[in-house]
Amino acid sequence: MIALVDCNNFYVSCERVFDPRLEGRPVGVLSNNDGCVVARSNEFKALGVEMGAAMHLLPPDIRRRAVLLSSNYALYGDMSRRVTETLGQFSPHVEVYSIDESFVGF
Protein backbone atom coordinates (compact mmCIF):
# COMPACT_ATOMS: atom_id res chain seq x y z
CA MET A 1 0.00 0.00 0.00
CA ILE A 2 1.20 3.50 -0.85
CA ALA A 3 -0.06 6.68 0.78
CA LEU A 4 0.21 10.20 -0.56
CA VAL A 5 0.98 12.67 2.22
CA ASP A 6 0.13 16.23 1.22
CA CYS A 7 0.62 19.05 3.72
CA ASN A 8 -2.30 21.47 3.82
CA ASN A 9 -1.60 25.07 2.75
CA PHE A 10 2.05 24.28 3.40
CA TYR A 11 3.71 27.71 3.28
CA VAL A 12 0.97 29.25 5.41
CA SER A 13 1.11 26.29 7.82
CA CYS A 14 4.87 26.77 8.19
CA GLU A 15 4.40 30.45 8.99
CA ARG A 16 1.73 29.62 11.57
CA VAL A 17 4.06 27.25 13.42
CA PHE A 18 6.24 30.20 14.39
CA ASP A 19 3.50 32.84 14.64
CA PRO A 20 0.36 31.35 16.20
CA ARG A 21 -1.35 34.76 15.97
CA LEU A 22 -1.92 33.91 12.30
CA GLU A 23 -4.22 31.01 13.18
CA GLY A 24 -7.78 31.64 12.00
CA ARG A 25 -6.81 34.75 10.04
CA PRO A 26 -6.74 35.11 6.25
CA VAL A 27 -3.09 34.67 5.29
CA GLY A 28 -1.43 34.83 1.90
CA VAL A 29 2.20 34.07 1.12
CA LEU A 30 3.64 36.02 -1.79
CA SER A 31 6.16 35.01 -4.43
CA ASN A 32 9.68 36.35 -4.74
CA ASN A 33 9.58 40.14 -4.72
CA ASP A 34 6.00 39.93 -3.36
CA GLY A 35 4.53 39.79 -6.84
CA CYS A 36 1.72 37.27 -6.56
CA VAL A 37 0.00 34.89 -4.17
CA VAL A 38 1.67 31.46 -4.01
CA ALA A 39 -0.06 30.08 -0.90
CA ARG A 40 -3.42 30.78 0.74
CA SER A 41 -4.96 29.87 4.05
CA ASN A 42 -8.51 28.55 3.94
CA GLU A 43 -9.66 31.91 5.34
CA PHE A 44 -7.87 33.74 2.50
CA LYS A 45 -9.40 31.37 -0.08
CA ALA A 46 -12.84 32.14 1.39
CA LEU A 47 -12.29 35.80 0.46
CA GLY A 48 -12.21 34.70 -3.18
CA VAL A 49 -8.49 35.22 -3.76
CA GLU A 50 -7.21 32.96 -6.54
CA MET A 51 -3.83 31.25 -6.58
CA GLY A 52 -1.39 33.41 -8.52
CA ALA A 53 -3.36 36.61 -8.00
CA ALA A 54 -1.20 39.69 -8.40
CA MET A 55 -0.75 41.38 -5.05
CA HIS A 56 -1.11 44.88 -6.47
CA LEU A 57 -4.50 43.94 -7.96
CA LEU A 58 -6.03 42.66 -4.72
CA PRO A 59 -8.94 44.85 -3.63
CA PRO A 60 -8.02 47.28 -0.83
CA ASP A 61 -10.50 45.70 1.62
CA ILE A 62 -8.84 42.30 1.20
CA ARG A 63 -5.38 43.81 1.58
CA ARG A 64 -6.51 45.42 4.87
CA ARG A 65 -8.18 42.27 6.26
CA ALA A 66 -5.51 39.75 5.27
CA VAL A 67 -1.98 39.14 6.43
CA LEU A 68 0.33 39.11 3.40
CA LEU A 69 3.77 37.64 3.97
CA SER A 70 6.91 37.52 1.89
CA SER A 71 7.93 33.96 1.08
CA ASN A 72 10.62 32.36 3.25
CA TYR A 73 11.93 29.45 1.22
CA ALA A 74 14.65 28.59 3.74
CA LEU A 75 11.94 28.02 6.37
CA TYR A 76 9.76 25.98 4.00
CA GLY A 77 12.71 23.81 2.97
CA ASP A 78 13.62 23.15 6.60
CA MET A 79 10.03 22.30 7.52
CA SER A 80 9.78 20.01 4.50
CA ARG A 81 12.91 18.19 5.67
CA ARG A 82 11.36 17.78 9.12
CA VAL A 83 8.15 16.35 7.66
CA THR A 84 10.15 13.91 5.54
CA GLU A 85 12.19 12.81 8.57
CA THR A 86 8.99 12.26 10.54
CA LEU A 87 7.49 10.18 7.74
CA GLY A 88 10.69 8.12 7.74
CA GLN A 89 9.90 7.09 11.31
CA PHE A 90 6.81 5.28 9.99
CA SER A 91 8.26 3.73 6.85
CA PRO A 92 11.67 3.28 5.24
CA HIS A 93 9.98 3.89 1.88
CA VAL A 94 9.47 7.62 1.50
CA GLU A 95 9.64 9.23 -1.91
CA VAL A 96 9.55 13.03 -1.91
CA TYR A 97 7.34 14.32 -4.71
CA SER A 98 7.44 18.04 -3.96
CA ILE A 99 8.20 20.37 -1.06
CA ASP A 100 4.89 19.44 0.59
CA GLU A 101 4.06 16.00 -0.85
CA SER A 102 5.55 12.56 -0.41
CA PHE A 103 4.62 9.00 -1.24
CA VAL A 104 4.97 6.60 1.68
CA GLY A 105 5.03 2.83 1.28
CA PHE A 106 3.54 0.67 4.00
PDB file of N, CA and C in Angstrom:
ATOM      1  N   MET A   1       0.843  -1.166   0.000  1.00  0.00           N
ATOM      2  CA  MET A   1       0.000   0.000   0.000  1.00  0.00           C
ATOM      3  C   MET A   1       0.897   1.241   0.000  1.00  0.00           C
ATOM      4  N   ILE A   2       0.465   2.244  -0.763  1.00  0.00           N
ATOM      5  CA  ILE A   2       1.203   3.504  -0.850  1.00  0.00           C
ATOM      6  C   ILE A   2       0.256   4.638  -0.479  1.00  0.00           C
ATOM      7  N   ALA A   3       0.723   5.514   0.375  1.00  0.00           N
ATOM      8  CA  ALA A   3      -0.058   6.682   0.779  1.00  0.00           C
ATOM      9  C   ALA A   3       0.577   7.931   0.189  1.00  0.00           C
ATOM     10  N   LEU A   4      -0.266   8.881  -0.162  1.00  0.00           N
ATOM     11  CA  LEU A   4       0.209  10.199  -0.560  1.00  0.00           C
ATOM     12  C   LEU A   4      -0.016  11.130   0.619  1.00  0.00           C
ATOM     13  N   VAL A   5       1.062  11.706   1.127  1.00  0.00           N
ATOM     14  CA  VAL A   5       0.976  12.666   2.223  1.00  0.00           C
ATOM     15  C   VAL A   5       1.151  14.048   1.613  1.00  0.00           C
ATOM     16  N   ASP A   6       0.130  14.877   1.788  1.00  0.00           N
ATOM     17  CA  ASP A   6       0.129  16.227   1.219  1.00  0.00           C
ATOM     18  C   ASP A   6      -0.160  17.212   2.354  1.00  0.00           C
ATOM     19  N   CYS A   7       0.792  18.079   2.643  1.00  0.00           N
ATOM     20  CA  CYS A   7       0.624  19.053   3.719  1.00  0.00           C
ATOM     21  C   CYS A   7      -0.346  20.141   3.270  1.00  0.00           C
ATOM     22  N   ASN A   8      -1.248  20.519   4.140  1.00  0.00           N
ATOM     23  CA  ASN A   8      -2.304  21.470   3.822  1.00  0.00           C
ATOM     24  C   ASN A   8      -1.781  22.907   3.879  1.00  0.00           C
ATOM     25  N   ASN A   9      -1.995  23.652   2.791  1.00  0.00           N
ATOM     26  CA  ASN A   9      -1.599  25.072   2.745  1.00  0.00           C
ATOM     27  C   ASN A   9      -0.180  25.239   3.307  1.00  0.00           C
ATOM     28  N   PHE A  10       0.750  24.499   2.763  1.00  0.00           N
ATOM     29  CA  PHE A  10       2.051  24.283   3.397  1.00  0.00           C
ATOM     30  C   PHE A  10       2.776  25.553   3.810  1.00  0.00           C
ATOM     31  N   TYR A  11       2.937  26.510   2.914  1.00  0.00           N
ATOM     32  CA  TYR A  11       3.708  27.705   3.279  1.00  0.00           C
ATOM     33  C   TYR A  11       3.029  28.465   4.414  1.00  0.00           C
ATOM     34  N   VAL A  12       1.707  28.579   4.346  1.00  0.00           N
ATOM     35  CA  VAL A  12       0.972  29.249   5.414  1.00  0.00           C
ATOM     36  C   VAL A  12       1.102  28.455   6.706  1.00  0.00           C
ATOM     37  N   SER A  13       0.985  27.137   6.620  1.00  0.00           N
ATOM     38  CA  SER A  13       1.112  26.290   7.818  1.00  0.00           C
ATOM     39  C   SER A  13       2.478  26.465   8.463  1.00  0.00           C
ATOM     40  N   CYS A  14       3.525  26.556   7.653  1.00  0.00           N
ATOM     41  CA  CYS A  14       4.873  26.774   8.190  1.00  0.00           C
ATOM     42  C   CYS A  14       4.953  28.105   8.930  1.00  0.00           C
ATOM     43  N   GLU A  15       4.383  29.134   8.352  1.00  0.00           N
ATOM     44  CA  GLU A  15       4.403  30.451   8.992  1.00  0.00           C
ATOM     45  C   GLU A  15       3.644  30.419  10.319  1.00  0.00           C
ATOM     46  N   ARG A  16       2.538  29.682  10.354  1.00  0.00           N
ATOM     47  CA  ARG A  16       1.726  29.617  11.570  1.00  0.00           C
ATOM     48  C   ARG A  16       2.419  28.868  12.698  1.00  0.00           C
ATOM     49  N   VAL A  17       3.317  27.960  12.377  1.00  0.00           N
ATOM     50  CA  VAL A  17       4.057  27.254  13.424  1.00  0.00           C
ATOM     51  C   VAL A  17       4.818  28.250  14.289  1.00  0.00           C
ATOM     52  N   PHE A  18       5.400  29.255  13.672  1.00  0.00           N
ATOM     53  CA  PHE A  18       6.239  30.202  14.388  1.00  0.00           C
ATOM     54  C   PHE A  18       5.520  31.501  14.749  1.00  0.00           C
ATOM     55  N   ASP A  19       4.290  31.669  14.281  1.00  0.00           N
ATOM     56  CA  ASP A  19       3.500  32.840  14.639  1.00  0.00           C
ATOM     57  C   ASP A  19       2.050  32.419  14.818  1.00  0.00           C
ATOM     58  N   PRO A  20       1.718  31.859  15.967  1.00  0.00           N
ATOM     59  CA  PRO A  20       0.357  31.350  16.202  1.00  0.00           C
ATOM     60  C   PRO A  20      -0.729  32.414  16.099  1.00  0.00           C
ATOM     61  N   ARG A  21      -0.359  33.694  16.138  1.00  0.00           N
ATOM     62  CA  ARG A  21      -1.355  34.758  15.974  1.00  0.00           C
ATOM     63  C   ARG A  21      -2.007  34.722  14.597  1.00  0.00           C
ATOM     64  N   LEU A  22      -1.381  34.014  13.661  1.00  0.00           N
ATOM     65  CA  LEU A  22      -1.918  33.913  12.303  1.00  0.00           C
ATOM     66  C   LEU A  22      -3.052  32.895  12.204  1.00  0.00           C
ATOM     67  N   GLU A  23      -3.184  32.048  13.201  1.00  0.00           N
ATOM     68  CA  GLU A  23      -4.219  31.007  13.181  1.00  0.00           C
ATOM     69  C   GLU A  23      -5.602  31.642  13.089  1.00  0.00           C
ATOM     70  N   GLY A  24      -6.419  31.149  12.158  1.00  0.00           N
ATOM     71  CA  GLY A  24      -7.777  31.636  12.001  1.00  0.00           C
ATOM     72  C   GLY A  24      -7.907  32.923  11.193  1.00  0.00           C
ATOM     73  N   ARG A  25      -6.795  33.500  10.814  1.00  0.00           N
ATOM     74  CA  ARG A  25      -6.812  34.750  10.041  1.00  0.00           C
ATOM     75  C   ARG A  25      -6.566  34.449   8.565  1.00  0.00           C
ATOM     76  N   PRO A  26      -7.059  35.297   7.664  1.00  0.00           N
ATOM     77  CA  PRO A  26      -6.743  35.110   6.248  1.00  0.00           C
ATOM     78  C   PRO A  26      -5.280  35.467   5.995  1.00  0.00           C
ATOM     79  N   VAL A  27      -4.525  34.493   5.498  1.00  0.00           N
ATOM     80  CA  VAL A  27      -3.086  34.674   5.285  1.00  0.00           C
ATOM     81  C   VAL A  27      -2.743  34.286   3.855  1.00  0.00           C
ATOM     82  N   GLY A  28      -1.963  35.127   3.214  1.00  0.00           N
ATOM     83  CA  GLY A  28      -1.428  34.828   1.898  1.00  0.00           C
ATOM     84  C   GLY A  28       0.081  34.939   1.931  1.00  0.00           C
ATOM     85  N   VAL A  29       0.748  34.002   1.269  1.00  0.00           N
ATOM     86  CA  VAL A  29       2.199  34.074   1.116  1.00  0.00           C
ATOM     87  C   VAL A  29       2.465  34.482  -0.327  1.00  0.00           C
ATOM     88  N   LEU A  30       3.362  35.439  -0.481  1.00  0.00           N
ATOM     89  CA  LEU A  30       3.644  36.020  -1.788  1.00  0.00           C
ATOM     90  C   LEU A  30       4.928  35.456  -2.387  1.00  0.00           C
ATOM     91  N   SER A  31       4.999  35.503  -3.708  1.00  0.00           N
ATOM     92  CA  SER A  31       6.165  35.008  -4.434  1.00  0.00           C
ATOM     93  C   SER A  31       7.381  35.895  -4.192  1.00  0.00           C
ATOM     94  N   ASN A  32       8.490  35.506  -4.797  1.00  0.00           N
ATOM     95  CA  ASN A  32       9.685  36.349  -4.736  1.00  0.00           C
ATOM     96  C   ASN A  32       9.312  37.771  -5.151  1.00  0.00           C
ATOM     97  N   ASN A  33       9.846  38.728  -4.474  1.00  0.00           N
ATOM     98  CA  ASN A  33       9.575  40.143  -4.718  1.00  0.00           C
ATOM     99  C   ASN A  33       8.110  40.515  -4.492  1.00  0.00           C
ATOM    100  N   ASP A  34       7.387  39.657  -3.750  1.00  0.00           N
ATOM    101  CA  ASP A  34       6.001  39.933  -3.364  1.00  0.00           C
ATOM    102  C   ASP A  34       5.085  40.229  -4.551  1.00  0.00           C
ATOM    103  N   GLY A  35       5.309  39.529  -5.642  1.00  0.00           N
ATOM    104  CA  GLY A  35       4.528  39.790  -6.841  1.00  0.00           C
ATOM    105  C   GLY A  35       3.138  39.188  -6.849  1.00  0.00           C
ATOM    106  N   CYS A  36       3.028  37.909  -6.492  1.00  0.00           N
ATOM    107  CA  CYS A  36       1.724  37.269  -6.560  1.00  0.00           C
ATOM    108  C   CYS A  36       1.569  36.237  -5.444  1.00  0.00           C
ATOM    109  N   VAL A  37       0.341  35.824  -5.241  1.00  0.00           N
ATOM    110  CA  VAL A  37      -0.003  34.890  -4.171  1.00  0.00           C
ATOM    111  C   VAL A  37       0.410  33.477  -4.576  1.00  0.00           C
ATOM    112  N   VAL A  38       1.248  32.834  -3.743  1.00  0.00           N
ATOM    113  CA  VAL A  38       1.673  31.461  -4.014  1.00  0.00           C
ATOM    114  C   VAL A  38       1.158  30.472  -2.978  1.00  0.00           C
ATOM    115  N   ALA A  39       0.551  30.953  -1.902  1.00  0.00           N
ATOM    116  CA  ALA A  39      -0.064  30.079  -0.897  1.00  0.00           C
ATOM    117  C   ALA A  39      -1.171  30.852  -0.199  1.00  0.00           C
ATOM    118  N   ARG A  40      -2.251  30.130   0.141  1.00  0.00           N
ATOM    119  CA  ARG A  40      -3.417  30.776   0.744  1.00  0.00           C
ATOM    120  C   ARG A  40      -3.944  29.922   1.889  1.00  0.00           C
ATOM    121  N   SER A  41      -4.262  30.566   2.979  1.00  0.00           N
ATOM    122  CA  SER A  41      -4.964  29.870   4.053  1.00  0.00           C
ATOM    123  C   SER A  41      -6.410  29.655   3.602  1.00  0.00           C
ATOM    124  N   ASN A  42      -7.104  28.764   4.279  1.00  0.00           N
ATOM    125  CA  ASN A  42      -8.515  28.550   3.945  1.00  0.00           C
ATOM    126  C   ASN A  42      -9.315  29.840   4.097  1.00  0.00           C
ATOM    127  N   GLU A  43      -8.965  30.637   5.107  1.00  0.00           N
ATOM    128  CA  GLU A  43      -9.655  31.914   5.339  1.00  0.00           C
ATOM    129  C   GLU A  43      -9.412  32.895   4.186  1.00  0.00           C
ATOM    130  N   PHE A  44      -8.208  32.865   3.624  1.00  0.00           N
ATOM    131  CA  PHE A  44      -7.873  33.737   2.495  1.00  0.00           C
ATOM    132  C   PHE A  44      -8.599  33.261   1.241  1.00  0.00           C
ATOM    133  N   LYS A  45      -8.658  31.937   1.052  1.00  0.00           N
ATOM    134  CA  LYS A  45      -9.400  31.369  -0.083  1.00  0.00           C
ATOM    135  C   LYS A  45     -10.866  31.779  -0.012  1.00  0.00           C
ATOM    136  N   ALA A  46     -11.431  31.787   1.204  1.00  0.00           N
ATOM    137  CA  ALA A  46     -12.840  32.136   1.390  1.00  0.00           C
ATOM    138  C   ALA A  46     -13.140  33.583   0.972  1.00  0.00           C
ATOM    139  N   LEU A  47     -12.113  34.417   0.919  1.00  0.00           N
ATOM    140  CA  LEU A  47     -12.292  35.796   0.455  1.00  0.00           C
ATOM    141  C   LEU A  47     -12.338  35.881  -1.071  1.00  0.00           C
ATOM    142  N   GLY A  48     -12.148  34.742  -1.728  1.00  0.00           N
ATOM    143  CA  GLY A  48     -12.213  34.697  -3.184  1.00  0.00           C
ATOM    144  C   GLY A  48     -10.904  34.969  -3.889  1.00  0.00           C
ATOM    145  N   VAL A  49      -9.803  34.957  -3.158  1.00  0.00           N
ATOM    146  CA  VAL A  49      -8.493  35.222  -3.761  1.00  0.00           C
ATOM    147  C   VAL A  49      -8.009  33.958  -4.470  1.00  0.00           C
ATOM    148  N   GLU A  50      -7.693  34.089  -5.733  1.00  0.00           N
ATOM    149  CA  GLU A  50      -7.215  32.964  -6.539  1.00  0.00           C
ATOM    150  C   GLU A  50      -5.710  32.783  -6.379  1.00  0.00           C
ATOM    151  N   MET A  51      -5.262  31.538  -6.555  1.00  0.00           N
ATOM    152  CA  MET A  51      -3.829  31.249  -6.576  1.00  0.00           C
ATOM    153  C   MET A  51      -3.209  32.022  -7.743  1.00  0.00           C
ATOM    154  N   GLY A  52      -2.085  32.651  -7.491  1.00  0.00           N
ATOM    155  CA  GLY A  52      -1.388  33.407  -8.520  1.00  0.00           C
ATOM    156  C   GLY A  52      -1.887  34.832  -8.700  1.00  0.00           C
ATOM    157  N   ALA A  53      -2.842  35.240  -7.884  1.00  0.00           N
ATOM    158  CA  ALA A  53      -3.359  36.611  -7.996  1.00  0.00           C
ATOM    159  C   ALA A  53      -2.241  37.617  -7.759  1.00  0.00           C
ATOM    160  N   ALA A  54      -2.208  38.637  -8.571  1.00  0.00           N
ATOM    161  CA  ALA A  54      -1.202  39.695  -8.401  1.00  0.00           C
ATOM    162  C   ALA A  54      -1.526  40.505  -7.155  1.00  0.00           C
ATOM    163  N   MET A  55      -0.538  40.674  -6.309  1.00  0.00           N
ATOM    164  CA  MET A  55      -0.750  41.378  -5.052  1.00  0.00           C
ATOM    165  C   MET A  55      -1.269  42.795  -5.288  1.00  0.00           C
ATOM    166  N   HIS A  56      -0.712  43.489  -6.251  1.00  0.00           N
ATOM    167  CA  HIS A  56      -1.111  44.882  -6.468  1.00  0.00           C
ATOM    168  C   HIS A  56      -2.536  45.012  -7.025  1.00  0.00           C
ATOM    169  N   LEU A  57      -3.137  43.901  -7.454  1.00  0.00           N
ATOM    170  CA  LEU A  57      -4.503  43.941  -7.962  1.00  0.00           C
ATOM    171  C   LEU A  57      -5.538  43.470  -6.934  1.00  0.00           C
ATOM    172  N   LEU A  58      -5.077  43.064  -5.757  1.00  0.00           N
ATOM    173  CA  LEU A  58      -6.026  42.660  -4.721  1.00  0.00           C
ATOM    174  C   LEU A  58      -6.824  43.881  -4.272  1.00  0.00           C
ATOM    175  N   PRO A  59      -8.127  43.713  -4.092  1.00  0.00           N
ATOM    176  CA  PRO A  59      -8.939  44.847  -3.628  1.00  0.00           C
ATOM    177  C   PRO A  59      -8.434  45.370  -2.283  1.00  0.00           C
ATOM    178  N   PRO A  60      -8.525  46.681  -2.078  1.00  0.00           N
ATOM    179  CA  PRO A  60      -8.021  47.279  -0.833  1.00  0.00           C
ATOM    180  C   PRO A  60      -8.617  46.663   0.436  1.00  0.00           C
ATOM    181  N   ASP A  61      -9.901  46.281   0.408  1.00  0.00           N
ATOM    182  CA  ASP A  61     -10.503  45.701   1.618  1.00  0.00           C
ATOM    183  C   ASP A  61      -9.871  44.348   1.954  1.00  0.00           C
ATOM    184  N   ILE A  62      -9.518  43.581   0.941  1.00  0.00           N
ATOM    185  CA  ILE A  62      -8.841  42.297   1.199  1.00  0.00           C
ATOM    186  C   ILE A  62      -7.430  42.548   1.706  1.00  0.00           C
ATOM    187  N   ARG A  63      -6.740  43.500   1.134  1.00  0.00           N
ATOM    188  CA  ARG A  63      -5.377  43.811   1.579  1.00  0.00           C
ATOM    189  C   ARG A  63      -5.368  44.281   3.033  1.00  0.00           C
ATOM    190  N   ARG A  64      -6.427  44.970   3.474  1.00  0.00           N
ATOM    191  CA  ARG A  64      -6.506  45.423   4.869  1.00  0.00           C
ATOM    192  C   ARG A  64      -6.839  44.264   5.814  1.00  0.00           C
ATOM    193  N   ARG A  65      -7.703  43.361   5.399  1.00  0.00           N
ATOM    194  CA  ARG A  65      -8.175  42.270   6.261  1.00  0.00           C
ATOM    195  C   ARG A  65      -7.171  41.128   6.367  1.00  0.00           C
ATOM    196  N   ALA A  66      -6.396  40.910   5.324  1.00  0.00           N
ATOM    197  CA  ALA A  66      -5.508  39.749   5.265  1.00  0.00           C
ATOM    198  C   ALA A  66      -4.108  40.085   5.752  1.00  0.00           C
ATOM    199  N   VAL A  67      -3.396  39.037   6.122  1.00  0.00           N
ATOM    200  CA  VAL A  67      -1.976  39.141   6.428  1.00  0.00           C
ATOM    201  C   VAL A  67      -1.246  38.634   5.194  1.00  0.00           C
ATOM    202  N   LEU A  68      -0.441  39.486   4.577  1.00  0.00           N
ATOM    203  CA  LEU A  68       0.330  39.109   3.395  1.00  0.00           C
ATOM    204  C   LEU A  68       1.797  39.038   3.785  1.00  0.00           C
ATOM    205  N   LEU A  69       2.389  37.882   3.544  1.00  0.00           N
ATOM    206  CA  LEU A  69       3.768  37.636   3.970  1.00  0.00           C
ATOM    207  C   LEU A  69       4.674  37.393   2.775  1.00  0.00           C
ATOM    208  N   SER A  70       5.888  37.870   2.877  1.00  0.00           N
ATOM    209  CA  SER A  70       6.915  37.524   1.890  1.00  0.00           C
ATOM    210  C   SER A  70       7.296  36.066   2.085  1.00  0.00           C
ATOM    211  N   SER A  71       7.566  35.380   0.985  1.00  0.00           N
ATOM    212  CA  SER A  71       7.931  33.964   1.085  1.00  0.00           C
ATOM    213  C   SER A  71       9.282  33.802   1.779  1.00  0.00           C
ATOM    214  N   ASN A  72       9.401  32.686   2.493  1.00  0.00           N
ATOM    215  CA  ASN A  72      10.619  32.362   3.250  1.00  0.00           C
ATOM    216  C   ASN A  72      11.013  30.931   2.889  1.00  0.00           C
ATOM    217  N   TYR A  73      11.646  30.782   1.739  1.00  0.00           N
ATOM    218  CA  TYR A  73      11.928  29.447   1.216  1.00  0.00           C
ATOM    219  C   TYR A  73      12.903  28.648   2.071  1.00  0.00           C
ATOM    220  N   ALA A  74      13.765  29.315   2.822  1.00  0.00           N
ATOM    221  CA  ALA A  74      14.654  28.587   3.741  1.00  0.00           C
ATOM    222  C   ALA A  74      13.819  27.901   4.827  1.00  0.00           C
ATOM    223  N   LEU A  75      12.832  28.606   5.361  1.00  0.00           N
ATOM    224  CA  LEU A  75      11.944  28.025   6.366  1.00  0.00           C
ATOM    225  C   LEU A  75      11.170  26.854   5.777  1.00  0.00           C
ATOM    226  N   TYR A  76      10.595  27.025   4.581  1.00  0.00           N
ATOM    227  CA  TYR A  76       9.763  25.979   3.997  1.00  0.00           C
ATOM    228  C   TYR A  76      10.598  24.738   3.673  1.00  0.00           C
ATOM    229  N   GLY A  77      11.824  24.945   3.229  1.00  0.00           N
ATOM    230  CA  GLY A  77      12.706  23.807   2.971  1.00  0.00           C
ATOM    231  C   GLY A  77      13.043  23.057   4.245  1.00  0.00           C
ATOM    232  N   ASP A  78      13.311  23.787   5.311  1.00  0.00           N
ATOM    233  CA  ASP A  78      13.618  23.151   6.595  1.00  0.00           C
ATOM    234  C   ASP A  78      12.407  22.392   7.124  1.00  0.00           C
ATOM    235  N   MET A  79      11.235  22.984   7.038  1.00  0.00           N
ATOM    236  CA  MET A  79      10.031  22.303   7.517  1.00  0.00           C
ATOM    237  C   MET A  79       9.726  21.076   6.665  1.00  0.00           C
ATOM    238  N   SER A  80       9.969  21.149   5.379  1.00  0.00           N
ATOM    239  CA  SER A  80       9.779  20.007   4.497  1.00  0.00           C
ATOM    240  C   SER A  80      10.705  18.858   4.902  1.00  0.00           C
ATOM    241  N   ARG A  81      11.949  19.200   5.210  1.00  0.00           N
ATOM    242  CA  ARG A  81      12.913  18.186   5.665  1.00  0.00           C
ATOM    243  C   ARG A  81      12.418  17.527   6.946  1.00  0.00           C
ATOM    244  N   ARG A  82      11.877  18.312   7.853  1.00  0.00           N
ATOM    245  CA  ARG A  82      11.361  17.779   9.118  1.00  0.00           C
ATOM    246  C   ARG A  82      10.182  16.835   8.887  1.00  0.00           C
ATOM    247  N   VAL A  83       9.293  17.215   7.980  1.00  0.00           N
ATOM    248  CA  VAL A  83       8.151  16.354   7.664  1.00  0.00           C
ATOM    249  C   VAL A  83       8.653  15.033   7.081  1.00  0.00           C
ATOM    250  N   THR A  84       9.607  15.112   6.162  1.00  0.00           N
ATOM    251  CA  THR A  84      10.152  13.908   5.539  1.00  0.00           C
ATOM    252  C   THR A  84      10.814  13.012   6.576  1.00  0.00           C
ATOM    253  N   GLU A  85      11.571  13.593   7.500  1.00  0.00           N
ATOM    254  CA  GLU A  85      12.190  12.805   8.573  1.00  0.00           C
ATOM    255  C   GLU A  85      11.137  12.128   9.440  1.00  0.00           C
ATOM    256  N   THR A  86      10.072  12.828   9.734  1.00  0.00           N
ATOM    257  CA  THR A  86       8.993  12.262  10.540  1.00  0.00           C
ATOM    258  C   THR A  86       8.336  11.097   9.803  1.00  0.00           C
ATOM    259  N   LEU A  87       8.082  11.267   8.520  1.00  0.00           N
ATOM    260  CA  LEU A  87       7.490  10.178   7.737  1.00  0.00           C
ATOM    261  C   LEU A  87       8.405   8.959   7.731  1.00  0.00           C
ATOM    262  N   GLY A  88       9.714   9.208   7.718  1.00  0.00           N
ATOM    263  CA  GLY A  88      10.688   8.120   7.744  1.00  0.00           C
ATOM    264  C   GLY A  88      10.644   7.302   9.021  1.00  0.00           C
ATOM    265  N   GLN A  89      10.067   7.847  10.067  1.00  0.00           N
ATOM    266  CA  GLN A  89       9.899   7.087  11.311  1.00  0.00           C
ATOM    267  C   GLN A  89       8.798   6.049  11.178  1.00  0.00           C
ATOM    268  N   PHE A  90       7.923   6.202  10.190  1.00  0.00           N
ATOM    269  CA  PHE A  90       6.815   5.278   9.988  1.00  0.00           C
ATOM    270  C   PHE A  90       7.078   4.272   8.888  1.00  0.00           C
ATOM    271  N   SER A  91       7.975   4.619   7.969  1.00  0.00           N
ATOM    272  CA  SER A  91       8.263   3.728   6.851  1.00  0.00           C
ATOM    273  C   SER A  91       9.648   4.047   6.288  1.00  0.00           C
ATOM    274  N   PRO A  92      10.389   3.012   5.890  1.00  0.00           N
ATOM    275  CA  PRO A  92      11.672   3.276   5.240  1.00  0.00           C
ATOM    276  C   PRO A  92      11.497   3.663   3.765  1.00  0.00           C
ATOM    277  N   HIS A  93      10.264   3.619   3.286  1.00  0.00           N
ATOM    278  CA  HIS A  93       9.976   3.887   1.877  1.00  0.00           C
ATOM    279  C   HIS A  93       9.244   5.218   1.727  1.00  0.00           C
ATOM    280  N   VAL A  94      10.024   6.284   1.675  1.00  0.00           N
ATOM    281  CA  VAL A  94       9.470   7.623   1.501  1.00  0.00           C
ATOM    282  C   VAL A  94      10.068   8.216   0.232  1.00  0.00           C
ATOM    283  N   GLU A  95       9.194   8.602  -0.676  1.00  0.00           N
ATOM    284  CA  GLU A  95       9.641   9.233  -1.908  1.00  0.00           C
ATOM    285  C   GLU A  95       9.080  10.653  -1.955  1.00  0.00           C
ATOM    286  N   VAL A  96       9.962  11.623  -1.890  1.00  0.00           N
ATOM    287  CA  VAL A  96       9.548  13.030  -1.913  1.00  0.00           C
ATOM    288  C   VAL A  96       9.097  13.367  -3.331  1.00  0.00           C
ATOM    289  N   TYR A  97       7.906  13.926  -3.422  1.00  0.00           N
ATOM    290  CA  TYR A  97       7.344  14.315  -4.713  1.00  0.00           C
ATOM    291  C   TYR A  97       7.502  15.819  -4.936  1.00  0.00           C
ATOM    292  N   SER A  98       7.266  16.589  -3.894  1.00  0.00           N
ATOM    293  CA  SER A  98       7.443  18.044  -3.959  1.00  0.00           C
ATOM    294  C   SER A  98       7.730  18.531  -2.544  1.00  0.00           C
ATOM    295  N   ILE A  99       7.847  19.828  -2.372  1.00  0.00           N
ATOM    296  CA  ILE A  99       8.204  20.370  -1.060  1.00  0.00           C
ATOM    297  C   ILE A  99       7.175  19.991   0.006  1.00  0.00           C
ATOM    298  N   ASP A 100       5.922  19.752  -0.411  1.00  0.00           N
ATOM    299  CA  ASP A 100       4.891  19.440   0.593  1.00  0.00           C
ATOM    300  C   ASP A 100       4.151  18.132   0.326  1.00  0.00           C
ATOM    301  N   GLU A 101       4.697  17.289  -0.549  1.00  0.00           N
ATOM    302  CA  GLU A 101       4.058  16.004  -0.850  1.00  0.00           C
ATOM    303  C   GLU A 101       5.097  14.893  -0.904  1.00  0.00           C
ATOM    304  N   SER A 102       4.711  13.749  -0.347  1.00  0.00           N
ATOM    305  CA  SER A 102       5.555  12.557  -0.405  1.00  0.00           C
ATOM    306  C   SER A 102       4.691  11.325  -0.555  1.00  0.00           C
ATOM    307  N   PHE A 103       5.241  10.319  -1.206  1.00  0.00           N
ATOM    308  CA  PHE A 103       4.620   9.000  -1.244  1.00  0.00           C
ATOM    309  C   PHE A 103       5.281   8.164  -0.167  1.00  0.00           C
ATOM    310  N   VAL A 104       4.461   7.429   0.592  1.00  0.00           N
ATOM    311  CA  VAL A 104       4.974   6.604   1.684  1.00  0.00           C
ATOM    312  C   VAL A 104       4.466   5.190   1.482  1.00  0.00           C
ATOM    313  N   GLY A 105       5.406   4.241   1.427  1.00  0.00           N
ATOM    314  CA  GLY A 105       5.032   2.833   1.282  1.00  0.00           C
ATOM    315  C   GLY A 105       4.860   2.176   2.631  1.00  0.00           C
ATOM    316  N   PHE A 106       3.804   1.399   2.751  1.00  0.00           N
ATOM    317  CA  PHE A 106       3.539   0.674   4.003  1.00  0.00           C
ATOM    318  C   PHE A 106       3.490  -0.818   3.727  1.00  0.00           C
TER     319      PHE A 106
END
